[in-house]
Amino acid sequence: MGASMRSTKIINREPSIDEQIRLDALPICESPDTAADKLTKLRPITRYIYGMACTHCPSSAFKSITRAMAKSAGARLRQLGLLPESVDWTARARVCQSCPLCTVVNKKLYCGKPFLEMPLRDPGSQGCGCPVVSKARDPGEHCPIDSLHQPAAESPCNCKWCVKAAAEQLQVG
């Protein structure tokens, strides 16, 4: 079935049981065309959008944008004092200022190009696009690169921030 068999509906209610079954039957990681070929030949594939969230097969751009929205909300709550800040956020921000990925746009520091200018990127080589000060204040964030400017490992973390913090603890101890 071609593209004429697919449609998108915007609804402001919970899906019915039939709609839930149709949504659950679609594999999360496949494109609508592939899912249509594998699952149905006779009925149309319908994608349901609740407000801004598409429950069909979210693209990596959609995932990146919603993650950035959540981080932005967290940064605002941190500014209001409602979320905890990293104790050493100023040291983390200084590390970012000396990084070759750091860019200045409208008098604001970013890790690479600002996120909205390039939502899909390789954080290890192009930076993550976050505002440096907001990222440094978040205790759960990590630098996307290590001290050799290679993509940082997650476990154990070897990002610039964690390596510097570990070195400072060794000097104190």
N, C-alpha and C. Protein backbone atom coordinates (compact mmCIF):
# COMPACT_ATOMS: atom_id res chain seq x y z
N MET A 1 0.85 -1.17 0.00
CA MET A 1 0.00 0.00 0.00
C MET A 1 0.90 1.24 0.00
N GLY A 2 0.56 2.23 -0.72
CA GLY A 2 1.38 3.41 -0.86
C GLY A 2 1.13 4.44 0.21
N ALA A 3 1.66 5.62 0.00
CA ALA A 3 1.54 6.70 0.96
C ALA A 3 0.10 7.15 1.12
N SER A 4 -0.75 6.90 0.11
CA SER A 4 -2.13 7.33 0.21
C SER A 4 -2.89 6.55 1.27
N MET A 5 -2.37 5.40 1.69
CA MET A 5 -3.02 4.60 2.70
C MET A 5 -2.71 5.07 4.12
N ARG A 6 -1.68 5.91 4.28
CA ARG A 6 -1.32 6.39 5.61
C ARG A 6 -1.99 7.73 5.88
N SER A 7 -2.29 7.97 7.13
CA SER A 7 -2.87 9.26 7.50
C SER A 7 -2.43 9.63 8.90
N THR A 8 -2.56 10.88 9.23
CA THR A 8 -2.23 11.37 10.56
C THR A 8 -3.46 12.04 11.14
N LYS A 9 -3.80 11.71 12.37
CA LYS A 9 -4.93 12.34 13.04
C LYS A 9 -4.42 13.01 14.30
N ILE A 10 -4.90 14.19 14.57
CA ILE A 10 -4.59 14.86 15.82
C ILE A 10 -5.82 14.73 16.71
N ILE A 11 -5.63 14.12 17.87
CA ILE A 11 -6.75 13.89 18.77
C ILE A 11 -6.40 14.39 20.17
N ASN A 12 -7.38 14.78 20.91
CA ASN A 12 -7.19 15.28 22.26
C ASN A 12 -7.91 14.39 23.27
N ARG A 13 -7.80 13.10 23.08
CA ARG A 13 -8.41 12.14 24.00
C ARG A 13 -7.53 10.91 24.06
N GLU A 14 -7.80 10.05 25.03
CA GLU A 14 -7.08 8.79 25.12
C GLU A 14 -7.52 7.89 23.97
N PRO A 15 -6.63 7.10 23.41
CA PRO A 15 -7.02 6.21 22.31
C PRO A 15 -7.92 5.08 22.80
N SER A 16 -8.80 4.63 21.91
CA SER A 16 -9.67 3.50 22.23
C SER A 16 -8.83 2.22 22.24
N ILE A 17 -9.44 1.11 22.65
CA ILE A 17 -8.73 -0.17 22.67
C ILE A 17 -8.24 -0.53 21.27
N ASP A 18 -9.09 -0.34 20.25
CA ASP A 18 -8.68 -0.65 18.87
C ASP A 18 -7.50 0.21 18.46
N GLU A 19 -7.52 1.48 18.82
CA GLU A 19 -6.42 2.38 18.47
C GLU A 19 -5.15 1.98 19.21
N GLN A 20 -5.27 1.58 20.49
CA GLN A 20 -4.11 1.14 21.26
C GLN A 20 -3.48 -0.09 20.61
N ILE A 21 -4.31 -1.03 20.19
CA ILE A 21 -3.79 -2.24 19.55
C ILE A 21 -3.04 -1.88 18.28
N ARG A 22 -3.59 -0.96 17.49
CA ARG A 22 -2.94 -0.54 16.26
C ARG A 22 -1.60 0.14 16.57
N LEU A 23 -1.56 0.95 17.63
CA LEU A 23 -0.32 1.63 18.00
C LEU A 23 0.70 0.64 18.54
N ASP A 24 0.25 -0.30 19.37
CA ASP A 24 1.16 -1.27 19.96
C ASP A 24 1.71 -2.24 18.93
N ALA A 25 0.99 -2.44 17.84
CA ALA A 25 1.43 -3.39 16.82
C ALA A 25 2.60 -2.85 15.99
N LEU A 26 2.79 -1.55 16.00
CA LEU A 26 3.87 -0.96 15.20
C LEU A 26 5.19 -1.07 15.94
N PRO A 27 6.21 -1.61 15.31
CA PRO A 27 7.53 -1.65 15.94
C PRO A 27 8.05 -0.24 16.14
N ILE A 28 8.69 0.02 17.27
CA ILE A 28 9.15 1.36 17.60
C ILE A 28 10.29 1.81 16.70
N CYS A 29 11.15 0.91 16.31
CA CYS A 29 12.35 1.31 15.60
C CYS A 29 12.21 1.30 14.09
N GLU A 30 11.03 0.99 13.55
CA GLU A 30 10.89 0.91 12.11
C GLU A 30 10.14 2.12 11.57
N SER A 31 10.40 2.45 10.34
CA SER A 31 9.71 3.56 9.69
C SER A 31 8.28 3.14 9.37
N PRO A 32 7.36 4.10 9.17
CA PRO A 32 5.98 3.75 8.87
C PRO A 32 5.86 2.90 7.61
N ASP A 33 6.67 3.14 6.58
CA ASP A 33 6.58 2.36 5.35
C ASP A 33 6.93 0.90 5.62
N THR A 34 8.00 0.66 6.37
CA THR A 34 8.40 -0.71 6.68
C THR A 34 7.34 -1.39 7.52
N ALA A 35 6.81 -0.68 8.53
CA ALA A 35 5.78 -1.25 9.39
C ALA A 35 4.53 -1.57 8.58
N ALA A 36 4.18 -0.71 7.63
CA ALA A 36 3.00 -0.94 6.80
C ALA A 36 3.19 -2.19 5.95
N ASP A 37 4.38 -2.36 5.39
CA ASP A 37 4.64 -3.53 4.56
C ASP A 37 4.56 -4.81 5.37
N LYS A 38 5.07 -4.79 6.60
CA LYS A 38 5.12 -6.01 7.40
C LYS A 38 3.80 -6.33 8.08
N LEU A 39 3.08 -5.33 8.53
CA LEU A 39 1.93 -5.59 9.39
C LEU A 39 0.59 -5.61 8.67
N THR A 40 0.39 -4.71 7.73
CA THR A 40 -0.92 -4.65 7.10
C THR A 40 -0.79 -4.45 5.61
N LYS A 41 -1.66 -5.07 4.90
CA LYS A 41 -1.74 -4.84 3.47
C LYS A 41 -3.11 -4.27 3.12
N LEU A 42 -4.07 -4.41 4.01
CA LEU A 42 -5.44 -4.04 3.68
C LEU A 42 -5.95 -2.78 4.37
N ARG A 43 -5.45 -2.46 5.55
CA ARG A 43 -5.98 -1.30 6.25
C ARG A 43 -4.90 -0.22 6.36
N PRO A 44 -5.30 1.03 6.48
CA PRO A 44 -4.31 2.10 6.54
C PRO A 44 -3.59 2.13 7.88
N ILE A 45 -2.35 2.59 7.84
CA ILE A 45 -1.59 2.84 9.06
C ILE A 45 -1.97 4.24 9.51
N THR A 46 -2.37 4.39 10.74
CA THR A 46 -2.77 5.69 11.25
C THR A 46 -1.83 6.09 12.37
N ARG A 47 -1.27 7.28 12.28
CA ARG A 47 -0.41 7.80 13.32
C ARG A 47 -1.23 8.78 14.16
N TYR A 48 -1.20 8.62 15.47
CA TYR A 48 -1.94 9.50 16.36
C TYR A 48 -0.97 10.44 17.05
N ILE A 49 -1.31 11.70 17.07
CA ILE A 49 -0.47 12.70 17.69
C ILE A 49 -1.26 13.34 18.83
N TYR A 50 -0.72 13.25 20.04
CA TYR A 50 -1.35 13.83 21.22
C TYR A 50 -0.61 15.13 21.53
N GLY A 51 -1.20 16.24 21.25
CA GLY A 51 -0.52 17.51 21.46
C GLY A 51 0.72 17.57 20.59
N MET A 52 1.92 17.56 21.21
CA MET A 52 3.16 17.61 20.46
C MET A 52 3.84 16.24 20.37
N ALA A 53 3.32 15.24 21.06
CA ALA A 53 4.00 13.94 21.11
C ALA A 53 3.41 12.99 20.09
N CYS A 54 4.24 12.45 19.25
CA CYS A 54 3.82 11.45 18.27
C CYS A 54 4.10 10.08 18.89
N THR A 55 3.08 9.26 19.00
CA THR A 55 3.26 7.96 19.64
C THR A 55 3.62 6.88 18.64
N HIS A 56 3.73 7.21 17.37
CA HIS A 56 4.03 6.18 16.36
C HIS A 56 5.48 5.74 16.46
N CYS A 57 6.34 6.29 15.68
CA CYS A 57 7.73 5.88 15.63
C CYS A 57 8.59 7.13 15.75
N PRO A 58 8.90 7.56 16.95
CA PRO A 58 9.59 8.83 17.12
C PRO A 58 10.96 8.83 16.45
N SER A 59 11.22 9.90 15.73
CA SER A 59 12.52 10.02 15.07
C SER A 59 13.57 10.46 16.08
N SER A 60 14.81 10.33 15.71
CA SER A 60 15.87 10.76 16.62
C SER A 60 15.83 12.27 16.80
N ALA A 61 15.38 13.02 15.78
CA ALA A 61 15.25 14.47 15.93
C ALA A 61 14.19 14.79 16.97
N PHE A 62 13.06 14.08 16.92
CA PHE A 62 12.00 14.30 17.90
C PHE A 62 12.49 13.98 19.31
N LYS A 63 13.21 12.87 19.45
CA LYS A 63 13.76 12.50 20.76
C LYS A 63 14.72 13.57 21.25
N SER A 64 15.57 14.06 20.36
CA SER A 64 16.55 15.08 20.74
C SER A 64 15.87 16.37 21.17
N ILE A 65 14.85 16.77 20.44
CA ILE A 65 14.16 18.02 20.77
C ILE A 65 13.42 17.91 22.09
N THR A 66 12.72 16.79 22.33
CA THR A 66 12.01 16.65 23.60
C THR A 66 12.98 16.55 24.77
N ARG A 67 14.14 15.91 24.57
CA ARG A 67 15.15 15.85 25.62
C ARG A 67 15.68 17.26 25.92
N ALA A 68 15.89 18.05 24.87
CA ALA A 68 16.37 19.42 25.06
C ALA A 68 15.32 20.27 25.79
N MET A 69 14.05 20.04 25.49
CA MET A 69 12.98 20.78 26.18
C MET A 69 12.99 20.45 27.68
N ALA A 70 13.18 19.18 28.00
CA ALA A 70 13.22 18.76 29.41
C ALA A 70 14.43 19.37 30.11
N LYS A 71 15.58 19.38 29.43
CA LYS A 71 16.78 19.97 30.03
C LYS A 71 16.60 21.47 30.23
N SER A 72 15.94 22.14 29.29
CA SER A 72 15.69 23.57 29.42
C SER A 72 14.78 23.85 30.61
N ALA A 73 13.75 23.03 30.77
CA ALA A 73 12.85 23.20 31.92
C ALA A 73 13.61 22.98 33.23
N GLY A 74 14.48 21.97 33.26
CA GLY A 74 15.29 21.72 34.44
C GLY A 74 16.22 22.88 34.75
N ALA A 75 16.80 23.48 33.71
CA ALA A 75 17.69 24.63 33.91
C ALA A 75 16.92 25.81 34.50
N ARG A 76 15.70 26.02 34.02
CA ARG A 76 14.88 27.12 34.55
C ARG A 76 14.52 26.85 36.01
N LEU A 77 14.16 25.63 36.34
CA LEU A 77 13.85 25.29 37.73
C LEU A 77 15.08 25.43 38.62
N ARG A 78 16.25 25.13 38.07
CA ARG A 78 17.50 25.30 38.80
C ARG A 78 17.76 26.79 39.08
N GLN A 79 17.45 27.65 38.10
CA GLN A 79 17.61 29.09 38.29
C GLN A 79 16.69 29.61 39.39
N LEU A 80 15.53 29.01 39.50
CA LEU A 80 14.57 29.42 40.54
C LEU A 80 14.88 28.80 41.90
N GLY A 81 15.89 27.95 41.97
CA GLY A 81 16.28 27.33 43.23
C GLY A 81 15.45 26.11 43.59
N LEU A 82 14.69 25.58 42.64
CA LEU A 82 13.82 24.44 42.92
C LEU A 82 14.50 23.10 42.66
N LEU A 83 15.62 23.10 41.95
CA LEU A 83 16.40 21.89 41.71
C LEU A 83 17.83 22.13 42.19
N PRO A 84 18.53 21.08 42.60
CA PRO A 84 19.90 21.26 43.09
C PRO A 84 20.87 21.60 41.97
N GLU A 85 21.91 22.35 42.33
CA GLU A 85 22.98 22.69 41.40
C GLU A 85 24.21 21.85 41.71
N SER A 86 25.06 21.68 40.72
CA SER A 86 26.33 21.02 40.94
C SER A 86 27.18 21.92 41.84
N VAL A 87 27.83 21.33 42.82
CA VAL A 87 28.63 22.11 43.77
C VAL A 87 29.78 22.83 43.07
N ASP A 88 30.39 22.17 42.11
CA ASP A 88 31.56 22.74 41.42
C ASP A 88 31.24 23.24 40.02
N TRP A 89 30.05 23.81 39.83
CA TRP A 89 29.64 24.20 38.49
C TRP A 89 30.52 25.29 37.89
N THR A 90 31.09 26.16 38.70
CA THR A 90 31.96 27.21 38.14
C THR A 90 33.25 26.60 37.57
N ALA A 91 33.79 25.59 38.22
CA ALA A 91 34.98 24.92 37.70
C ALA A 91 34.65 24.18 36.41
N ARG A 92 33.47 23.58 36.36
CA ARG A 92 33.04 22.89 35.15
C ARG A 92 32.89 23.88 34.00
N ALA A 93 32.31 25.04 34.27
CA ALA A 93 32.13 26.06 33.23
C ALA A 93 33.48 26.58 32.73
N ARG A 94 34.46 26.71 33.63
CA ARG A 94 35.80 27.15 33.21
C ARG A 94 36.46 26.14 32.28
N VAL A 95 36.24 24.85 32.54
CA VAL A 95 36.77 23.81 31.66
C VAL A 95 36.16 23.99 30.26
N CYS A 96 34.88 24.26 30.20
CA CYS A 96 34.20 24.44 28.92
C CYS A 96 34.70 25.67 28.17
N GLN A 97 35.00 26.74 28.90
CA GLN A 97 35.47 27.98 28.25
C GLN A 97 36.78 27.75 27.50
N SER A 98 37.62 26.84 27.98
CA SER A 98 38.90 26.60 27.33
C SER A 98 38.83 25.50 26.27
N CYS A 99 37.65 24.94 26.03
CA CYS A 99 37.47 23.85 25.07
C CYS A 99 37.37 24.39 23.65
N PRO A 100 37.95 23.71 22.68
CA PRO A 100 37.84 24.16 21.29
C PRO A 100 36.42 24.05 20.72
N LEU A 101 35.55 23.25 21.33
CA LEU A 101 34.17 23.14 20.87
C LEU A 101 33.31 24.32 21.32
N CYS A 102 33.76 25.05 22.32
CA CYS A 102 32.97 26.13 22.89
C CYS A 102 32.80 27.27 21.88
N THR A 103 31.56 27.70 21.68
CA THR A 103 31.27 28.80 20.78
C THR A 103 30.47 29.87 21.52
N VAL A 104 30.54 31.09 21.03
CA VAL A 104 29.79 32.19 21.62
C VAL A 104 28.76 32.64 20.59
N VAL A 105 27.49 32.62 20.98
CA VAL A 105 26.40 33.09 20.12
C VAL A 105 25.55 34.03 20.96
N ASN A 106 25.42 35.26 20.50
CA ASN A 106 24.65 36.28 21.23
C ASN A 106 25.10 36.42 22.68
N LYS A 107 26.41 36.47 22.88
CA LYS A 107 27.04 36.66 24.19
C LYS A 107 26.75 35.50 25.16
N LYS A 108 26.45 34.33 24.63
CA LYS A 108 26.18 33.16 25.45
C LYS A 108 27.06 32.01 24.97
N LEU A 109 27.69 31.29 25.91
CA LEU A 109 28.56 30.17 25.57
C LEU A 109 27.75 28.90 25.32
N TYR A 110 28.12 28.18 24.26
CA TYR A 110 27.47 26.91 23.92
C TYR A 110 28.53 25.85 23.69
N CYS A 111 28.17 24.61 23.93
CA CYS A 111 29.02 23.47 23.63
C CYS A 111 28.77 23.12 22.16
N GLY A 112 29.57 23.65 21.26
CA GLY A 112 29.33 23.51 19.82
C GLY A 112 28.31 24.53 19.37
N LYS A 113 27.74 24.33 18.19
CA LYS A 113 26.67 25.21 17.71
C LYS A 113 25.47 25.06 18.63
N PRO A 114 24.66 26.10 18.81
CA PRO A 114 23.45 25.95 19.62
C PRO A 114 22.58 24.81 19.09
N PHE A 115 21.92 24.12 20.01
CA PHE A 115 21.17 22.92 19.67
C PHE A 115 20.18 23.13 18.54
N LEU A 116 19.41 24.21 18.57
CA LEU A 116 18.36 24.40 17.57
C LEU A 116 18.92 24.69 16.18
N GLU A 117 20.17 25.09 16.08
CA GLU A 117 20.78 25.27 14.77
C GLU A 117 21.15 23.94 14.14
N MET A 118 21.36 22.91 14.97
CA MET A 118 21.75 21.59 14.47
C MET A 118 21.28 20.52 15.47
N PRO A 119 19.99 20.12 15.40
CA PRO A 119 19.48 19.15 16.38
C PRO A 119 20.10 17.76 16.27
N LEU A 120 20.46 17.33 15.07
CA LEU A 120 21.08 16.01 14.91
C LEU A 120 22.58 16.21 14.75
N ARG A 121 23.35 15.62 15.65
CA ARG A 121 24.79 15.83 15.66
C ARG A 121 25.48 14.70 16.37
N ASP A 122 26.80 14.65 16.22
CA ASP A 122 27.64 13.74 16.98
C ASP A 122 28.24 14.55 18.12
N PRO A 123 27.78 14.35 19.37
CA PRO A 123 28.27 15.17 20.48
C PRO A 123 29.78 15.09 20.69
N GLY A 124 30.38 13.96 20.35
CA GLY A 124 31.82 13.81 20.56
C GLY A 124 32.66 14.69 19.65
N SER A 125 32.17 15.00 18.47
CA SER A 125 32.96 15.82 17.55
C SER A 125 32.36 17.20 17.30
N GLN A 126 31.05 17.37 17.55
CA GLN A 126 30.40 18.64 17.27
C GLN A 126 29.84 19.32 18.51
N GLY A 127 30.06 18.75 19.68
CA GLY A 127 29.49 19.31 20.91
C GLY A 127 28.03 18.93 21.02
N CYS A 128 27.44 19.19 22.18
CA CYS A 128 26.05 18.80 22.40
C CYS A 128 25.05 19.91 22.08
N GLY A 129 25.52 21.16 22.00
CA GLY A 129 24.63 22.26 21.69
C GLY A 129 24.00 22.92 22.91
N CYS A 130 24.34 22.45 24.10
CA CYS A 130 23.76 23.01 25.33
C CYS A 130 24.42 24.33 25.69
N PRO A 131 23.68 25.23 26.34
CA PRO A 131 24.32 26.41 26.93
C PRO A 131 25.27 25.94 28.03
N VAL A 132 26.49 26.42 28.02
CA VAL A 132 27.54 25.92 28.91
C VAL A 132 27.17 26.09 30.38
N VAL A 133 26.71 27.27 30.77
CA VAL A 133 26.43 27.51 32.19
C VAL A 133 25.28 26.62 32.67
N SER A 134 24.23 26.48 31.88
CA SER A 134 23.11 25.61 32.27
C SER A 134 23.56 24.16 32.39
N LYS A 135 24.37 23.71 31.47
CA LYS A 135 24.86 22.33 31.51
C LYS A 135 25.78 22.12 32.71
N ALA A 136 26.65 23.09 32.98
CA ALA A 136 27.58 22.97 34.10
C ALA A 136 26.84 22.95 35.45
N ARG A 137 25.73 23.65 35.55
CA ARG A 137 24.97 23.68 36.81
C ARG A 137 24.21 22.40 37.10
N ASP A 138 23.94 21.61 36.07
CA ASP A 138 23.17 20.37 36.24
C ASP A 138 24.09 19.27 36.77
N PRO A 139 23.83 18.76 37.98
CA PRO A 139 24.72 17.73 38.55
C PRO A 139 24.69 16.41 37.77
N GLY A 140 23.68 16.16 36.99
CA GLY A 140 23.57 14.91 36.25
C GLY A 140 24.19 14.96 34.86
N GLU A 141 24.67 16.11 34.45
CA GLU A 141 25.24 16.26 33.11
C GLU A 141 26.73 15.93 33.11
N HIS A 142 27.22 15.56 31.94
CA HIS A 142 28.63 15.28 31.73
C HIS A 142 29.08 15.92 30.44
N CYS A 143 30.36 16.21 30.36
CA CYS A 143 30.95 16.75 29.14
C CYS A 143 30.92 15.64 28.07
N PRO A 144 30.62 15.98 26.80
CA PRO A 144 30.57 14.94 25.78
C PRO A 144 31.94 14.44 25.32
N ILE A 145 33.04 15.10 25.72
CA ILE A 145 34.37 14.67 25.27
C ILE A 145 35.30 14.46 26.46
N ASP A 146 36.38 13.71 26.21
CA ASP A 146 37.38 13.49 27.25
C ASP A 146 38.52 14.50 27.10
N SER A 147 39.54 14.36 27.91
CA SER A 147 40.65 15.33 27.90
C SER A 147 41.46 15.27 26.61
N LEU A 148 41.32 14.19 25.82
CA LEU A 148 42.02 14.08 24.54
C LEU A 148 41.12 14.51 23.38
N HIS A 149 39.97 15.11 23.69
CA HIS A 149 38.98 15.59 22.71
C HIS A 149 38.40 14.46 21.87
N GLN A 150 38.25 13.30 22.48
CA GLN A 150 37.59 12.15 21.88
C GLN A 150 36.24 11.97 22.59
N PRO A 151 35.28 11.28 21.98
CA PRO A 151 34.00 11.05 22.67
C PRO A 151 34.23 10.38 24.03
N ALA A 152 33.59 10.91 25.05
CA ALA A 152 33.75 10.39 26.41
C ALA A 152 33.00 9.07 26.58
N ALA A 153 33.56 8.21 27.43
CA ALA A 153 32.91 6.94 27.77
C ALA A 153 31.92 7.20 28.89
N GLU A 154 30.85 6.40 28.93
CA GLU A 154 29.83 6.59 29.96
C GLU A 154 30.16 5.85 31.25
N SER A 155 30.72 4.67 31.14
CA SER A 155 30.96 3.88 32.34
C SER A 155 32.31 3.18 32.25
N PRO A 156 33.26 3.49 33.05
CA PRO A 156 33.32 4.63 33.95
C PRO A 156 33.51 5.92 33.15
N CYS A 157 32.95 6.98 33.65
CA CYS A 157 32.97 8.25 32.93
C CYS A 157 34.40 8.80 32.88
N ASN A 158 34.82 9.16 31.69
CA ASN A 158 36.14 9.78 31.53
C ASN A 158 36.03 11.17 30.90
N CYS A 159 34.87 11.82 31.10
CA CYS A 159 34.68 13.15 30.53
C CYS A 159 35.62 14.16 31.22
N LYS A 160 35.80 15.29 30.59
CA LYS A 160 36.70 16.32 31.13
C LYS A 160 36.34 16.69 32.56
N TRP A 161 35.04 16.84 32.83
CA TRP A 161 34.61 17.27 34.16
C TRP A 161 34.93 16.23 35.22
N CYS A 162 34.62 14.98 34.95
CA CYS A 162 34.84 13.92 35.94
C CYS A 162 36.33 13.67 36.19
N VAL A 163 37.15 13.73 35.14
CA VAL A 163 38.59 13.54 35.28
C VAL A 163 39.19 14.67 36.12
N LYS A 164 38.75 15.91 35.85
CA LYS A 164 39.26 17.05 36.61
C LYS A 164 38.84 16.96 38.08
N ALA A 165 37.59 16.58 38.33
CA ALA A 165 37.11 16.44 39.71
C ALA A 165 37.87 15.35 40.45
N ALA A 166 38.16 14.23 39.78
CA ALA A 166 38.91 13.15 40.40
C ALA A 166 40.34 13.58 40.71
N ALA A 167 40.97 14.34 39.80
CA ALA A 167 42.32 14.83 40.03
C ALA A 167 42.36 15.79 41.20
N GLU A 168 41.35 16.65 41.34
CA GLU A 168 41.31 17.58 42.46
C GLU A 168 41.11 16.85 43.78
N GLN A 169 40.31 15.77 43.77
CA GLN A 169 40.12 14.99 45.00
C GLN A 169 41.42 14.30 45.42
N LEU A 170 42.20 13.84 44.44
CA LEU A 170 43.47 13.22 44.77
C LEU A 170 44.45 14.23 45.38
N GLN A 171 44.42 15.46 44.88
CA GLN A 171 45.31 16.50 45.40
C GLN A 171 44.92 16.88 46.84
N VAL A 172 43.61 16.92 47.12
CA VAL A 172 43.13 17.28 48.46
C VAL A 172 43.41 16.15 49.43
N GLY A 173 43.20 14.90 48.98
CA GLY A 173 43.32 13.71 49.84
C GLY A 173 44.70 13.31 50.10
